[in-house]
Protein backbone atom coordinates (compact mmCIF):
# COMPACT_ATOMS: atom_id res chain seq x y z
CA MET A 1 -20.50 106.06 -37.14
CA LYS A 2 -19.84 102.72 -36.67
CA HIS A 3 -19.85 100.27 -39.23
CA ALA A 4 -19.64 96.11 -37.99
CA CYS A 5 -18.87 93.84 -41.02
CA ARG A 6 -19.56 90.35 -39.99
CA THR A 7 -17.93 87.57 -42.07
CA ALA A 8 -18.51 83.76 -42.22
CA ALA A 9 -16.60 81.29 -43.09
CA LEU A 10 -17.63 79.78 -45.56
CA LEU A 11 -17.77 75.95 -45.98
CA LEU A 12 -17.21 73.75 -50.01
CA SER A 13 -17.04 70.74 -50.95
CA VAL A 14 -16.40 69.38 -54.34
CA VAL A 15 -15.97 66.23 -55.95
CA VAL A 16 -14.51 65.36 -59.49
CA LEU A 17 -15.09 61.60 -59.75
CA ALA A 18 -13.39 60.85 -63.18
CA ASP A 19 -12.31 56.94 -64.64
CA PRO A 20 -8.66 57.20 -64.18
CA ALA A 21 -8.73 54.64 -67.32
CA SER A 22 -10.59 56.39 -69.98
CA ASN A 23 -10.47 60.29 -68.50
CA ARG A 24 -13.78 60.42 -68.65
CA LEU A 25 -15.89 62.21 -65.72
CA MET A 26 -18.23 59.70 -64.42
CA GLY A 27 -19.87 62.13 -61.53
CA LEU A 28 -19.91 65.43 -59.89
CA SER A 29 -20.53 66.01 -56.04
CA VAL A 30 -20.19 69.45 -54.59
CA ALA A 31 -21.53 70.15 -50.49
CA SER A 32 -21.47 73.82 -48.72
CA TYR A 33 -24.46 75.22 -46.58
CA LEU A 34 -25.73 78.56 -46.42
CA ALA A 35 -26.41 81.04 -43.66
CA ASP A 36 -26.45 78.98 -41.12
CA ALA A 37 -23.94 75.35 -41.00
CA LYS A 38 -27.03 73.48 -40.09
CA ASP A 39 -28.89 74.25 -43.13
CA THR A 40 -26.95 72.74 -45.39
CA VAL A 41 -26.27 71.79 -49.40
CA ALA A 42 -25.16 69.56 -51.62
CA LEU A 43 -26.32 68.59 -55.64
CA ASN A 44 -24.91 65.24 -56.73
CA VAL A 45 -24.77 64.58 -60.90
CA ARG A 46 -23.76 61.65 -62.50
CA PHE A 47 -22.59 61.36 -65.84
CA LEU A 48 -23.51 58.45 -68.52
CA PRO A 49 -22.42 57.99 -71.96
CA LEU A 50 -24.46 58.70 -75.67
CA GLN A 51 -24.34 56.44 -78.08
CA ASP A 52 -21.83 58.04 -79.74
CA GLY A 53 -19.88 58.65 -75.96
CA THR A 54 -20.33 61.70 -75.33
CA ARG A 55 -21.02 61.97 -71.89
CA TYR A 56 -24.23 64.27 -70.37
CA PRO A 57 -25.58 64.87 -67.04
CA ALA A 58 -27.86 61.59 -66.30
CA THR A 59 -29.22 62.24 -62.72
CA GLU A 60 -28.73 66.01 -60.66
CA ASP A 61 -29.80 65.67 -57.38
CA LEU A 62 -30.10 68.63 -54.82
CA ALA A 63 -31.10 68.55 -51.18
CA ARG A 64 -31.11 70.69 -48.22
CA SER A 65 -31.55 69.99 -45.38
CA LYS A 66 -34.74 71.43 -44.97
CA ASN A 67 -36.98 69.12 -46.64
CA LEU A 68 -35.91 69.82 -50.36
CA SER A 69 -35.29 67.75 -52.70
CA ILE A 70 -35.31 68.23 -56.30
CA ASN A 71 -34.58 64.56 -58.24
CA VAL A 72 -33.78 65.45 -62.48
CA THR A 73 -33.42 62.66 -64.55
CA ASN A 74 -32.26 63.43 -68.28
CA SER A 75 -32.86 60.29 -70.53
CA GLY A 76 -34.20 59.14 -74.43
CA TYR A 77 -31.31 61.50 -76.03
CA ARG A 78 -31.52 60.14 -79.78
CA LYS A 79 -29.28 62.00 -82.89
CA THR A 80 -31.06 64.00 -85.17
CA ALA A 81 -31.94 62.69 -88.26
CA GLN A 82 -29.67 64.22 -91.39
């Protein structure tokens, strides 16, 4: 009995954007593909500061080459009363 093992090279790119002056995270980008190199997937995240300086993912964009795009926007954060 013969077994065939098929392997595929995985293309993955990860980019982290930081402000060197403040050492704060500004963004994140990831690019790869699914079963076929023509079927690409990309994730982009942009971080913004809250009033206290905490950074949060303000926008997240996930896109696939086959006409699929997901965009998430986070906003309206405020400190809860204590």
